[in-house]
C-alpha atoms as a PDB file:
ATOM      1  CA  MET A   1      57.697   1.116  30.804  1.00  0.00           C
ATOM      2  CA  SER A   2      60.921   3.820  29.643  1.00  0.00           C
ATOM      3  CA  LYS A   3      60.304   7.411  29.656  1.00  0.00           C
ATOM      4  CA  LEU A   4      60.346   7.655  26.333  1.00  0.00           C
ATOM      5  CA  GLY A   5      57.464   5.284  25.851  1.00  0.00           C
ATOM      6  CA  LYS A   6      55.538   7.105  28.625  1.00  0.00           C
ATOM      7  CA  PHE A   7      56.251  10.243  26.511  1.00  0.00           C
ATOM      8  CA  PHE A   8      54.876   9.334  23.268  1.00  0.00           C
ATOM      9  CA  LYS A   9      51.793   7.524  25.008  1.00  0.00           C
ATOM     10  CA  GLY A  10      51.058  10.727  26.630  1.00  0.00           C
ATOM     11  CA  GLY A  11      51.793  12.694  23.626  1.00  0.00           C
ATOM     12  CA  GLY A  12      49.415  10.595  21.752  1.00  0.00           C
ATOM     13  CA  SER A  13      46.295  10.430  24.417  1.00  0.00           C
ATOM     14  CA  SER A  14      46.494  14.214  24.746  1.00  0.00           C
ATOM     15  CA  LYS A  15      43.113  15.452  23.325  1.00  0.00           C
ATOM     16  CA  SER A  16      44.373  18.621  23.532  1.00  0.00           C
ATOM     17  CA  ARG A  17      47.274  18.454  20.963  1.00  0.00           C
ATOM     18  CA  ALA A  18      45.873  18.595  17.355  1.00  0.00           C
ATOM     19  CA  ALA A  19      47.188  16.497  14.852  1.00  0.00           C
ATOM     20  CA  ALA A  20      49.650  18.172  12.740  1.00  0.00           C
ATOM     21  CA  SER A  21      49.273  18.205   9.097  1.00  0.00           C
ATOM     22  CA  ALA A  22      51.381  16.800   6.273  1.00  0.00           C
ATOM     23  CA  PRO A  23      53.000  20.347   5.277  1.00  0.00           C
ATOM     24  CA  GLU A  24      53.928  20.869   8.913  1.00  0.00           C
ATOM     25  CA  ALA A  25      55.032  17.526   9.885  1.00  0.00           C
ATOM     26  CA  LEU A  26      57.500  17.290   6.882  1.00  0.00           C
ATOM     27  CA  ALA A  27      58.910  21.068   7.787  1.00  0.00           C
ATOM     28  CA  ARG A  28      59.848  19.163  11.105  1.00  0.00           C
ATOM     29  CA  LEU A  29      61.402  16.327   9.790  1.00  0.00           C
ATOM     30  CA  ARG A  30      63.391  18.299   7.674  1.00  0.00           C
ATOM     31  CA  GLU A  31      64.278  20.798  10.428  1.00  0.00           C
ATOM     32  CA  THR A  32      65.291  17.801  12.677  1.00  0.00           C
ATOM     33  CA  GLU A  33      67.401  16.402   9.954  1.00  0.00           C
ATOM     34  CA  GLU A  34      69.066  19.649   9.284  1.00  0.00           C
ATOM     35  CA  MET A  35      69.766  19.830  13.219  1.00  0.00           C
ATOM     36  CA  LEU A  36      71.279  16.251  13.047  1.00  0.00           C
ATOM     37  CA  GLY A  37      73.716  16.973  10.475  1.00  0.00           C
ATOM     38  CA  LYS A  38      75.245  19.800  12.230  1.00  0.00           C
ATOM     39  CA  LYS A  39      75.643  17.448  14.897  1.00  0.00           C
ATOM     40  CA  GLN A  40      77.022  15.206  12.614  1.00  0.00           C
ATOM     41  CA  GLU A  41      79.811  17.639  11.481  1.00  0.00           C
ATOM     42  CA  TYR A  42      80.475  18.585  15.212  1.00  0.00           C
ATOM     43  CA  LEU A  43      81.368  14.899  16.030  1.00  0.00           C
ATOM     44  CA  GLU A  44      83.207  14.293  13.247  1.00  0.00           C
ATOM     45  CA  ASN A  45      85.577  17.202  14.250  1.00  0.00           C
ATOM     46  CA  ARG A  46      85.831  16.290  17.830  1.00  0.00           C
ATOM     47  CA  ILE A  47      86.836  12.694  16.688  1.00  0.00           C
ATOM     48  CA  GLN A  48      89.282  14.268  14.715  1.00  0.00           C
ATOM     49  CA  ARG A  49      90.663  16.363  17.594  1.00  0.00           C
ATOM     50  CA  GLU A  50      91.003  13.689  20.174  1.00  0.00           C
ATOM     51  CA  LEU A  51      92.669  11.762  17.576  1.00  0.00           C
ATOM     52  CA  SER A  52      95.387  14.325  17.326  1.00  0.00           C
ATOM     53  CA  LEU A  53      95.608  14.746  20.858  1.00  0.00           C
ATOM     54  CA  ALA A  54      96.401  11.035  21.351  1.00  0.00           C
ATOM     55  CA  ARG A  55      98.975  11.049  18.829  1.00  0.00           C
ATOM     56  CA  LYS A  56     100.750  14.269  20.564  1.00  0.00           C
ATOM     57  CA  HIS A  57     100.629  12.920  24.053  1.00  0.00           C
ATOM     58  CA  GLY A  58     101.695   9.411  22.714  1.00  0.00           C
ATOM     59  CA  THR A  59     103.945   7.754  24.892  1.00  0.00           C
ATOM     60  CA  GLN A  60     104.776  10.811  26.828  1.00  0.00           C
ATOM     61  CA  ASN A  61     101.556  11.389  28.718  1.00  0.00           C
ATOM     62  CA  LYS A  62      99.736   7.975  28.327  1.00  0.00           C
ATOM     63  CA  ARG A  63      96.882   9.049  30.574  1.00  0.00           C
ATOM     64  CA  ALA A  64      95.977  11.913  28.577  1.00  0.00           C
ATOM     65  CA  ALA A  65      96.632  10.009  25.094  1.00  0.00           C
ATOM     66  CA  LEU A  66      93.719   7.020  26.740  1.00  0.00           C
ATOM     67  CA  GLN A  67      91.619   9.714  28.163  1.00  0.00           C
ATOM     68  CA  ALA A  68      91.699  11.559  24.307  1.00  0.00           C
ATOM     69  CA  LEU A  69      91.217   8.108  23.018  1.00  0.00           C
ATOM     70  CA  LYS A  70      88.238   7.447  25.210  1.00  0.00           C
ATOM     71  CA  ARG A  71      86.356  10.316  24.302  1.00  0.00           C
ATOM     72  CA  LYS A  72      86.733   9.614  20.898  1.00  0.00           C
ATOM     73  CA  LYS A  73      85.028   6.459  21.362  1.00  0.00           C
ATOM     74  CA  ARG A  74      82.385   8.236  22.786  1.00  0.00           C
ATOM     75  CA  PHE A  75      81.911  10.537  19.900  1.00  0.00           C
ATOM     76  CA  GLU A  76      82.354   7.454  17.542  1.00  0.00           C
ATOM     77  CA  LYS A  77      79.307   6.142  19.361  1.00  0.00           C
ATOM     78  CA  GLN A  78      77.130   9.213  19.286  1.00  0.00           C
ATOM     79  CA  LEU A  79      77.998   9.497  15.463  1.00  0.00           C
ATOM     80  CA  SER A  80      76.700   6.174  14.660  1.00  0.00           C
ATOM     81  CA  GLN A  81      73.721   6.563  16.247  1.00  0.00           C
ATOM     82  CA  ILE A  82      72.995   9.615  14.750  1.00  0.00           C
ATOM     83  CA  ASP A  83      73.761   8.182  11.482  1.00  0.00           C
ATOM     84  CA  GLY A  84      70.565   5.605  12.327  1.00  0.00           C
ATOM     85  CA  THR A  85      68.476   8.131  13.696  1.00  0.00           C
ATOM     86  CA  LEU A  86      69.016  10.105  10.457  1.00  0.00           C
ATOM     87  CA  SER A  87      68.279   6.885   8.333  1.00  0.00           C
ATOM     88  CA  THR A  88      65.029   6.588  10.312  1.00  0.00           C
ATOM     89  CA  ILE A  89      63.864   9.968   9.954  1.00  0.00           C
ATOM     90  CA  GLU A  90      64.666  10.002   6.173  1.00  0.00           C
ATOM     91  CA  PHE A  91      62.920   6.780   5.693  1.00  0.00           C
ATOM     92  CA  GLN A  92      59.886   8.450   7.827  1.00  0.00           C
ATOM     93  CA  ARG A  93      59.849  11.763   5.710  1.00  0.00           C
ATOM     94  CA  GLU A  94      59.921   9.635   2.364  1.00  0.00           C
ATOM     95  CA  ALA A  95      56.988   7.523   3.388  1.00  0.00           C
ATOM     96  CA  LEU A  96      55.068  10.668   4.838  1.00  0.00           C
ATOM     97  CA  GLU A  97      55.803  12.941   1.041  1.00  0.00           C
ATOM     98  CA  ASN A  98      54.560   9.798  -0.807  1.00  0.00           C
ATOM     99  CA  SER A  99      51.396   9.625   1.330  1.00  0.00           C
ATOM    100  CA  HIS A 100      50.999  13.297   1.435  1.00  0.00           C
ATOM    101  CA  THR A 101      51.081  13.063  -2.760  1.00  0.00           C
ATOM    102  CA  ASN A 102      48.716  10.746  -2.654  1.00  0.00           C
ATOM    103  CA  THR A 103      46.585  12.239  -0.573  1.00  0.00           C
ATOM    104  CA  GLU A 104      46.731  14.993  -2.748  1.00  0.00           C
ATOM    105  CA  VAL A 105      46.282  13.274  -6.235  1.00  0.00           C
ATOM    106  CA  LEU A 106      43.486  11.346  -4.630  1.00  0.00           C
ATOM    107  CA  ARG A 107      41.649  14.551  -3.446  1.00  0.00           C
ATOM    108  CA  ASN A 108      42.215  16.217  -7.082  1.00  0.00           C
ATOM    109  CA  MET A 109      40.622  12.931  -8.794  1.00  0.00           C
ATOM    110  CA  GLY A 110      37.721  13.671  -6.409  1.00  0.00           C
ATOM    111  CA  PHE A 111      37.320  17.187  -7.325  1.00  0.00           C
ATOM    112  CA  ALA A 112      37.803  16.559 -11.030  1.00  0.00           C
ATOM    113  CA  ALA A 113      35.085  13.860 -10.706  1.00  0.00           C
ATOM    114  CA  LYS A 114      32.758  16.239  -9.147  1.00  0.00           C
ATOM    115  CA  ALA A 115      33.496  18.724 -11.904  1.00  0.00           C
ATOM    116  CA  MET A 116      32.789  16.146 -14.498  1.00  0.00           C
ATOM    117  CA  LYS A 117      29.376  15.124 -12.819  1.00  0.00           C
ATOM    118  CA  SER A 118      28.291  18.731 -12.392  1.00  0.00           C
ATOM    119  CA  ILE A 119      29.173  19.249 -16.295  1.00  0.00           C
ATOM    120  CA  HIS A 120      27.319  16.214 -17.589  1.00  0.00           C
ATOM    121  CA  GLN A 121      24.362  17.147 -15.197  1.00  0.00           C
ATOM    122  CA  ASN A 122      22.805  19.675 -17.848  1.00  0.00           C
ATOM    123  CA  MET A 123      23.725  17.274 -20.831  1.00  0.00           C
ATOM    124  CA  ASP A 124      21.109  15.172 -22.120  1.00  0.00           C
ATOM    125  CA  LEU A 125      21.796  12.375 -24.815  1.00  0.00           C
ATOM    126  CA  ASN A 126      18.805  12.734 -26.338  1.00  0.00           C
ATOM    127  CA  LYS A 127      19.367  16.199 -27.308  1.00  0.00           C
ATOM    128  CA  ILE A 128      22.997  15.472 -27.936  1.00  0.00           C
ATOM    129  CA  ASP A 129      21.785  13.265 -30.896  1.00  0.00           C
ATOM    130  CA  ASP A 130      19.414  16.059 -32.405  1.00  0.00           C
ATOM    131  CA  LEU A 131      22.032  18.424 -32.490  1.00  0.00           C
ATOM    132  CA  MET A 132      24.197  16.195 -34.192  1.00  0.00           C
ATOM    133  CA  GLN A 133      21.194  15.056 -36.679  1.00  0.00           C
ATOM    134  CA  GLU A 134      21.238  19.062 -37.402  1.00  0.00           C
ATOM    135  CA  ILE A 135      24.785  19.606 -37.962  1.00  0.00           C
ATOM    136  CA  THR A 136      24.756  16.853 -40.367  1.00  0.00           C
ATOM    137  CA  GLU A 137      21.610  17.938 -42.039  1.00  0.00           C
ATOM    138  CA  GLN A 138      23.318  21.940 -42.443  1.00  0.00           C
ATOM    139  CA  GLN A 139      26.309  19.926 -43.643  1.00  0.00           C
ATOM    140  CA  ASP A 140      24.425  18.239 -46.449  1.00  0.00           C
ATOM    141  CA  ILE A 141      22.556  22.010 -47.319  1.00  0.00           C
ATOM    142  CA  ALA A 142      25.967  23.660 -47.413  1.00  0.00           C
ATOM    143  CA  GLN A 143      27.100  21.085 -49.811  1.00  0.00           C
ATOM    144  CA  GLU A 144      24.462  21.098 -52.529  1.00  0.00           C
ATOM    145  CA  ILE A 145      24.875  24.799 -52.225  1.00  0.00           C
ATOM    146  CA  SER A 146      28.788  24.759 -53.246  1.00  0.00           C
ATOM    147  CA  GLU A 147      27.586  22.370 -55.850  1.00  0.00           C
ATOM    148  CA  ALA A 148      24.992  24.751 -57.076  1.00  0.00           C
ATOM    149  CA  PHE A 149      27.574  27.622 -57.291  1.00  0.00           C
ATOM    150  CA  SER A 150      30.489  25.529 -58.880  1.00  0.00           C
ATOM    151  CA  GLN A 151      28.015  24.233 -61.962  1.00  0.00           C
ATOM    152  CA  ARG A 152      28.295  26.317 -65.050  1.00  0.00           C
ATOM    153  CA  THR A 153      25.263  28.386 -66.279  1.00  0.00           C
ATOM    154  CA  GLY A 154      25.195  27.046 -69.764  1.00  0.00           C
ATOM    155  CA  PHE A 155      24.115  30.643 -71.169  1.00  0.00           C
ATOM    156  CA  GLY A 156      24.743  30.535 -75.010  1.00  0.00           C
ATOM    157  CA  ASP A 157      25.739  27.098 -74.929  1.00  0.00           C
ATOM    158  CA  GLU A 158      22.653  25.349 -76.852  1.00  0.00           C
ATOM    159  CA  PHE A 159      24.102  25.097 -80.303  1.00  0.00           C
ATOM    160  CA  ASP A 160      23.653  22.258 -82.918  1.00  0.00           C
ATOM    161  CA  GLU A 161      26.792  20.984 -83.470  1.00  0.00           C
ATOM    162  CA  ASP A 162      26.492  19.548 -86.460  1.00  0.00           C
ATOM    163  CA  GLU A 163      25.696  22.946 -88.101  1.00  0.00           C
ATOM    164  CA  LEU A 164      28.691  24.559 -86.212  1.00  0.00           C
ATOM    165  CA  MET A 165      30.797  21.753 -87.980  1.00  0.00           C
ATOM    166  CA  ALA A 166      29.090  22.296 -91.530  1.00  0.00           C
ATOM    167  CA  GLU A 167      29.746  26.003 -91.009  1.00  0.00           C
ATOM    168  CA  LEU A 168      33.577  25.272 -90.305  1.00  0.00           C
ATOM    169  CA  GLU A 169      33.772  23.129 -93.135  1.00  0.00           C
ATOM    170  CA  GLU A 170      32.723  25.694 -95.556  1.00  0.00           C
ATOM    171  CA  LEU A 171      35.293  28.405 -93.895  1.00  0.00           C
ATOM    172  CA  GLU A 172      38.052  25.810 -94.824  1.00  0.00           C
ATOM    173  CA  GLN A 173      36.740  25.105 -97.888  1.00  0.00           C
ATOM    174  CA  GLU A 174      36.654  28.847 -98.927  1.00  0.00           C
ATOM    175  CA  GLU A 175      40.109  29.126 -97.513  1.00  0.00           C
ATOM    176  CA  LEU A 176      41.365  26.177 -99.450  1.00  0.00           C
ATOM    177  CA  ASN A 177      39.964  27.854-102.624  1.00  0.00           C
ATOM    178  CA  LYS A 178      41.837  31.149-102.295  1.00  0.00           C
ATOM    179  CA  LYS A 179      45.043  29.162-101.864  1.00  0.00           C
ATOM    180  CA  MET A 180      44.289  27.573-104.950  1.00  0.00           C
ATOM    181  CA  THR A 181      43.945  30.646-106.885  1.00  0.00           C
ATOM    182  CA  ASN A 182      46.617  32.387-105.716  1.00  0.00           C
ATOM    183  CA  ILE A 183      49.156  29.671-107.360  1.00  0.00           C
ATOM    184  CA  ARG A 184      50.792  30.880-110.238  1.00  0.00           C
ATOM    185  CA  LEU A 185      51.420  27.783-112.492  1.00  0.00           C
ATOM    186  CA  PRO A 186      54.746  28.096-115.088  1.00  0.00           C
ATOM    187  CA  ASN A 187      54.422  28.988-118.690  1.00  0.00           C
ATOM    188  CA  VAL A 188      54.204  25.468-120.713  1.00  0.00           C
ATOM    189  CA  PRO A 189      52.649  24.712-123.527  1.00  0.00           C
ATOM    190  CA  SER A 190      49.132  23.157-123.101  1.00  0.00           C
ATOM    191  CA  SER A 191      50.073  20.301-124.784  1.00  0.00           C
ATOM    192  CA  SER A 192      52.717  19.300-121.998  1.00  0.00           C
ATOM    193  CA  LEU A 193      49.798  19.596-119.334  1.00  0.00           C
ATOM    194  CA  PRO A 194      48.459  16.362-118.419  1.00  0.00           C
ATOM    195  CA  ALA A 195      45.047  15.704-119.840  1.00  0.00           C
ATOM    196  CA  GLN A 196      42.563  16.341-117.356  1.00  0.00           C
ATOM    197  CA  PRO A 197      39.139  14.368-117.950  1.00  0.00           C
ATOM    198  CA  ALA A 198      36.281  16.374-118.669  1.00  0.00           C
ATOM    199  CA  ARG A 199      33.958  16.924-115.627  1.00  0.00           C
ATOM    200  CA  THR A 200      30.531  17.403-116.706  1.00  0.00           C
ATOM    201  CA  PRO A 201      28.039  18.864-114.153  1.00  0.00           C
ATOM    202  CA  SER A 202      26.047  15.756-113.634  1.00  0.00           C
ATOM    203  CA  ALA A 203      29.405  14.365-112.647  1.00  0.00           C
ATOM    204  CA  ALA A 204      30.742  16.893-110.144  1.00  0.00           C
ATOM    205  CA  SER A 205      27.418  16.919-108.927  1.00  0.00           C
ATOM    206  CA  ALA A 206      27.471  13.194-108.441  1.00  0.00           C
ATOM    207  CA  ARG A 207      30.493  13.061-106.798  1.00  0.00           C
ATOM    208  CA  GLN A 208      29.733  16.106-104.080  1.00  0.00           C
ATOM    209  CA  PRO A 209      28.533  14.389-101.056  1.00  0.00           C
ATOM    210  CA  ARG A 210      25.939  15.647 -99.000  1.00  0.00           C
ATOM    211  CA  ALA A 211      25.426  18.172 -96.520  1.00  0.00           C
ATOM    212  CA  ALA A 212      25.891  15.308 -93.761  1.00  0.00           C
ATOM    213  CA  SER A 213      28.893  14.087 -95.268  1.00  0.00           C
ATOM    214  CA  SER A 214      30.600  17.415 -96.241  1.00  0.00           C
ATOM    215  CA  ARG A 215      34.028  16.447 -94.334  1.00  0.00           C
ATOM    216  CA  ARG A 216      34.864  13.819 -97.403  1.00  0.00           C
ATOM    217  CA  ARG A 217      34.237  16.319-100.227  1.00  0.00           C
ATOM    218  CA  ALA A 218      36.887  18.495 -98.357  1.00  0.00           C
ATOM    219  CA  GLU A 219      39.140  15.546 -97.936  1.00  0.00           C
ATOM    220  CA  ASP A 220      38.703  14.653-102.099  1.00  0.00           C
ATOM    221  CA  GLU A 221      39.461  18.368-103.029  1.00  0.00           C
ATOM    222  CA  ASP A 222      42.361  18.436-100.751  1.00  0.00           C
ATOM    223  CA  ASP A 223      43.889  15.931-102.668  1.00  0.00           C
ATOM    224  CA  ASP A 224      43.085  17.618-105.546  1.00  0.00           C
ATOM    225  CA  PHE A 225      45.048  20.522-104.461  1.00  0.00           C
ATOM    226  CA  LYS A 226      47.940  18.390-103.676  1.00  0.00           C
ATOM    227  CA  GLU A 227      48.257  16.832-106.986  1.00  0.00           C
ATOM    228  CA  LEU A 228      48.055  20.151-108.694  1.00  0.00           C
ATOM    229  CA  ALA A 229      51.197  21.467-106.439  1.00  0.00           C
ATOM    230  CA  ALA A 230      53.141  18.488-106.835  1.00  0.00           C
ATOM    231  CA  TRP A 231      52.781  19.171-110.813  1.00  0.00           C
ATOM    232  CA  ALA A 232      53.693  22.947-110.566  1.00  0.00           C
ATOM    233  CA  THR A 233      56.809  22.000-108.614  1.00  0.00           C
END
């Protein structure tokens, strides 16, 4: 077994080492990524430096040029290994972050479920039904009260429509008689006036409508007024 395997086995079997929390493990992985990133930058600078030395010596000092190229190769190999290690650490960090997120989501959902259970323990479906029924009844009462306030009181509106109509027609007839009296006829011989049939009291009384049909009488007199006004003009 390799030393690295023994190291991980021994570390895993030790009961004295407490399991690291997810935030702590994530912090350590980020620190490792930062350290390896600095190592990458250092190796890239060394590779460029050794490459410059190899170009500088060239054919003048082949040994020194070859040594520089060998160091460049070792640095490139280390850089490649660090790239692979960074990829592994990045994958592990993302997996740990997802696991930590899922754990927090599950924990919060469990907390919410317990809260809902605690709230529902104080609720009784029968009481809820009774409460909704009471609310509905109160709404109906409020609607009835609003309708009662919105209705017209009707004070002083109890009158006979026929009587009011008859009174109005009498007022119109009085106004019509005043207009006919104020008309001034021109001075013309009495012989030129159209012969008017004599109206006996019996005929006049026969033409007068009854109290229920007084509107017809007003219309007849209005026609007489129009005929007289046409003759006068």
